[in-house]
Amino acid sequence: MNKYKISSTALRLTLLIIGSMIFLGIWLTGFNVVHWLLYVPAIFLTFAAITGICPSLIVTKSIFKES
């Protein structure tokens, strides 16, 4: 699991800001109006910023099987 960790504080802050902007857009549009799929990247980005583990990186590395 260590190979999926984000060590850069600047990158984690960037992910948090982007996730917050998406949540702000959801809030301004209305939580009951937006499609549920819009929550997925916002949650992934916020989770990656808080924990340092990037779910998107795990998914893409498992799909493309890089060596």
N, C-alpha and C. Protein backbone atom coordinates (compact mmCIF):
# COMPACT_ATOMS: atom_id res chain seq x y z
N MET A 1 0.82 -1.20 0.00
CA MET A 1 0.00 0.00 0.00
C MET A 1 0.86 1.26 0.00
N ASN A 2 2.12 1.10 0.36
CA ASN A 2 3.01 2.25 0.42
C ASN A 2 3.29 2.87 -0.95
N LYS A 3 3.18 2.06 -2.02
CA LYS A 3 3.46 2.59 -3.35
C LYS A 3 2.34 3.51 -3.85
N TYR A 4 1.20 3.51 -3.16
CA TYR A 4 0.09 4.38 -3.53
C TYR A 4 0.01 5.63 -2.66
N LYS A 5 0.94 5.80 -1.73
CA LYS A 5 0.93 6.96 -0.82
C LYS A 5 1.39 8.22 -1.53
N ILE A 6 0.80 9.33 -1.15
CA ILE A 6 1.18 10.64 -1.65
C ILE A 6 2.04 11.30 -0.57
N SER A 7 3.29 11.55 -0.88
CA SER A 7 4.20 12.09 0.13
C SER A 7 4.28 13.61 0.11
N SER A 8 3.89 14.22 -1.00
CA SER A 8 4.02 15.67 -1.14
C SER A 8 2.87 16.40 -0.45
N THR A 9 3.20 17.29 0.46
CA THR A 9 2.19 18.09 1.15
C THR A 9 1.51 19.05 0.20
N ALA A 10 2.27 19.59 -0.74
CA ALA A 10 1.69 20.52 -1.71
C ALA A 10 0.66 19.82 -2.59
N LEU A 11 0.95 18.58 -2.99
CA LEU A 11 -0.01 17.83 -3.81
C LEU A 11 -1.26 17.50 -3.01
N ARG A 12 -1.09 17.14 -1.74
CA ARG A 12 -2.26 16.84 -0.90
C ARG A 12 -3.13 18.07 -0.71
N LEU A 13 -2.51 19.24 -0.54
CA LEU A 13 -3.28 20.47 -0.41
C LEU A 13 -4.01 20.79 -1.71
N THR A 14 -3.35 20.55 -2.84
CA THR A 14 -3.98 20.79 -4.14
C THR A 14 -5.20 19.88 -4.32
N LEU A 15 -5.08 18.61 -3.96
CA LEU A 15 -6.21 17.68 -4.05
C LEU A 15 -7.36 18.13 -3.16
N LEU A 16 -7.03 18.62 -1.96
CA LEU A 16 -8.06 19.09 -1.05
C LEU A 16 -8.77 20.32 -1.61
N ILE A 17 -8.04 21.23 -2.20
CA ILE A 17 -8.65 22.43 -2.78
C ILE A 17 -9.57 22.06 -3.95
N ILE A 18 -9.11 21.16 -4.82
CA ILE A 18 -9.94 20.75 -5.96
C ILE A 18 -11.20 20.04 -5.48
N GLY A 19 -11.06 19.14 -4.52
CA GLY A 19 -12.22 18.45 -3.96
C GLY A 19 -13.19 19.41 -3.30
N SER A 20 -12.67 20.42 -2.61
CA SER A 20 -13.52 21.43 -1.97
C SER A 20 -14.27 22.26 -3.01
N MET A 21 -13.60 22.57 -4.11
CA MET A 21 -14.25 23.34 -5.18
C MET A 21 -15.40 22.55 -5.81
N ILE A 22 -15.20 21.24 -5.98
CA ILE A 22 -16.28 20.41 -6.51
C ILE A 22 -17.44 20.37 -5.53
N PHE A 23 -17.15 20.19 -4.24
CA PHE A 23 -18.22 20.20 -3.24
C PHE A 23 -18.92 21.55 -3.17
N LEU A 24 -18.18 22.64 -3.36
CA LEU A 24 -18.79 23.96 -3.40
C LEU A 24 -19.75 24.08 -4.59
N GLY A 25 -19.33 23.55 -5.74
CA GLY A 25 -20.21 23.56 -6.91
C GLY A 25 -21.45 22.72 -6.69
N ILE A 26 -21.30 21.58 -6.03
CA ILE A 26 -22.46 20.73 -5.71
C ILE A 26 -23.40 21.48 -4.77
N TRP A 27 -22.83 22.15 -3.78
CA TRP A 27 -23.64 22.88 -2.81
C TRP A 27 -24.39 24.04 -3.47
N LEU A 28 -23.68 24.78 -4.35
CA LEU A 28 -24.32 25.91 -5.02
C LEU A 28 -25.40 25.46 -6.00
N THR A 29 -25.21 24.30 -6.61
CA THR A 29 -26.22 23.77 -7.53
C THR A 29 -27.40 23.20 -6.76
N GLY A 30 -27.13 22.58 -5.65
CA GLY A 30 -28.15 21.94 -4.82
C GLY A 30 -27.85 20.47 -4.70
N PHE A 31 -27.78 19.98 -3.47
CA PHE A 31 -27.41 18.58 -3.24
C PHE A 31 -28.42 17.61 -3.85
N ASN A 32 -29.67 18.00 -3.94
CA ASN A 32 -30.70 17.12 -4.48
C ASN A 32 -30.82 17.23 -6.00
N VAL A 33 -30.09 18.17 -6.62
CA VAL A 33 -30.19 18.40 -8.06
C VAL A 33 -29.09 17.67 -8.83
N VAL A 34 -27.88 17.64 -8.29
CA VAL A 34 -26.74 17.07 -9.03
C VAL A 34 -26.83 15.55 -9.07
N HIS A 35 -26.23 14.99 -10.10
CA HIS A 35 -26.21 13.54 -10.25
C HIS A 35 -25.25 12.94 -9.23
N TRP A 36 -25.53 11.71 -8.80
CA TRP A 36 -24.71 11.07 -7.76
C TRP A 36 -23.27 10.83 -8.22
N LEU A 37 -23.06 10.72 -9.53
CA LEU A 37 -21.72 10.44 -10.04
C LEU A 37 -20.74 11.59 -9.79
N LEU A 38 -21.26 12.80 -9.63
CA LEU A 38 -20.41 13.95 -9.36
C LEU A 38 -19.78 13.88 -7.96
N TYR A 39 -20.37 13.10 -7.07
CA TYR A 39 -19.81 12.95 -5.73
C TYR A 39 -18.54 12.09 -5.73
N VAL A 40 -18.40 11.19 -6.70
CA VAL A 40 -17.28 10.23 -6.71
C VAL A 40 -15.92 10.93 -6.78
N PRO A 41 -15.66 11.81 -7.77
CA PRO A 41 -14.35 12.46 -7.78
C PRO A 41 -14.12 13.38 -6.58
N ALA A 42 -15.17 14.01 -6.10
CA ALA A 42 -15.02 14.88 -4.93
C ALA A 42 -14.62 14.08 -3.70
N ILE A 43 -15.23 12.92 -3.53
CA ILE A 43 -14.90 12.07 -2.39
C ILE A 43 -13.50 11.47 -2.55
N PHE A 44 -13.16 11.02 -3.78
CA PHE A 44 -11.83 10.46 -4.04
C PHE A 44 -10.74 11.49 -3.75
N LEU A 45 -10.93 12.71 -4.22
CA LEU A 45 -9.91 13.76 -4.02
C LEU A 45 -9.77 14.12 -2.55
N THR A 46 -10.88 14.25 -1.85
CA THR A 46 -10.84 14.59 -0.43
C THR A 46 -10.21 13.47 0.38
N PHE A 47 -10.56 12.23 0.06
CA PHE A 47 -9.99 11.06 0.75
C PHE A 47 -8.47 11.00 0.53
N ALA A 48 -8.04 11.25 -0.71
CA ALA A 48 -6.61 11.23 -1.02
C ALA A 48 -5.87 12.34 -0.28
N ALA A 49 -6.49 13.50 -0.17
CA ALA A 49 -5.84 14.61 0.53
C ALA A 49 -5.71 14.34 2.03
N ILE A 50 -6.73 13.76 2.62
CA ILE A 50 -6.72 13.53 4.07
C ILE A 50 -5.82 12.35 4.45
N THR A 51 -5.95 11.23 3.75
CA THR A 51 -5.22 10.02 4.14
C THR A 51 -3.86 9.89 3.47
N GLY A 52 -3.70 10.49 2.28
CA GLY A 52 -2.46 10.33 1.54
C GLY A 52 -2.47 9.12 0.63
N ILE A 53 -3.59 8.36 0.62
CA ILE A 53 -3.74 7.19 -0.26
C ILE A 53 -4.67 7.59 -1.38
N CYS A 54 -4.20 7.44 -2.62
CA CYS A 54 -4.96 7.91 -3.77
C CYS A 54 -5.74 6.76 -4.41
N PRO A 55 -7.09 6.72 -4.26
CA PRO A 55 -7.88 5.65 -4.85
C PRO A 55 -7.82 5.63 -6.38
N SER A 56 -7.72 6.79 -6.99
CA SER A 56 -7.64 6.85 -8.46
C SER A 56 -6.35 6.20 -8.96
N LEU A 57 -5.27 6.39 -8.23
CA LEU A 57 -4.00 5.78 -8.60
C LEU A 57 -4.07 4.26 -8.48
N ILE A 58 -4.75 3.77 -7.46
CA ILE A 58 -4.92 2.33 -7.29
C ILE A 58 -5.70 1.75 -8.45
N VAL A 59 -6.79 2.42 -8.84
CA VAL A 59 -7.63 1.93 -9.94
C VAL A 59 -6.87 1.94 -11.26
N THR A 60 -6.21 3.05 -11.57
CA THR A 60 -5.52 3.14 -12.85
C THR A 60 -4.33 2.19 -12.95
N LYS A 61 -3.61 2.00 -11.86
CA LYS A 61 -2.49 1.07 -11.89
C LYS A 61 -2.96 -0.39 -12.00
N SER A 62 -4.14 -0.71 -11.45
CA SER A 62 -4.65 -2.05 -11.59
C SER A 62 -5.21 -2.29 -13.00
N ILE A 63 -5.70 -1.25 -13.65
CA ILE A 63 -6.22 -1.40 -15.02
C ILE A 63 -5.08 -1.53 -16.02
N PHE A 64 -4.06 -0.69 -15.92
CA PHE A 64 -3.01 -0.66 -16.92
C PHE A 64 -1.80 -1.51 -16.58
N LYS A 65 -1.75 -2.11 -15.40
CA LYS A 65 -0.71 -3.07 -15.00
C LYS A 65 0.71 -2.62 -15.38
N GLU A 66 1.10 -1.47 -14.89
CA GLU A 66 2.46 -1.01 -15.21
C GLU A 66 3.48 -1.81 -14.41
N SER A 67 4.63 -1.97 -14.99
CA SER A 67 5.67 -2.80 -14.33
C SER A 67 6.67 -1.95 -13.59
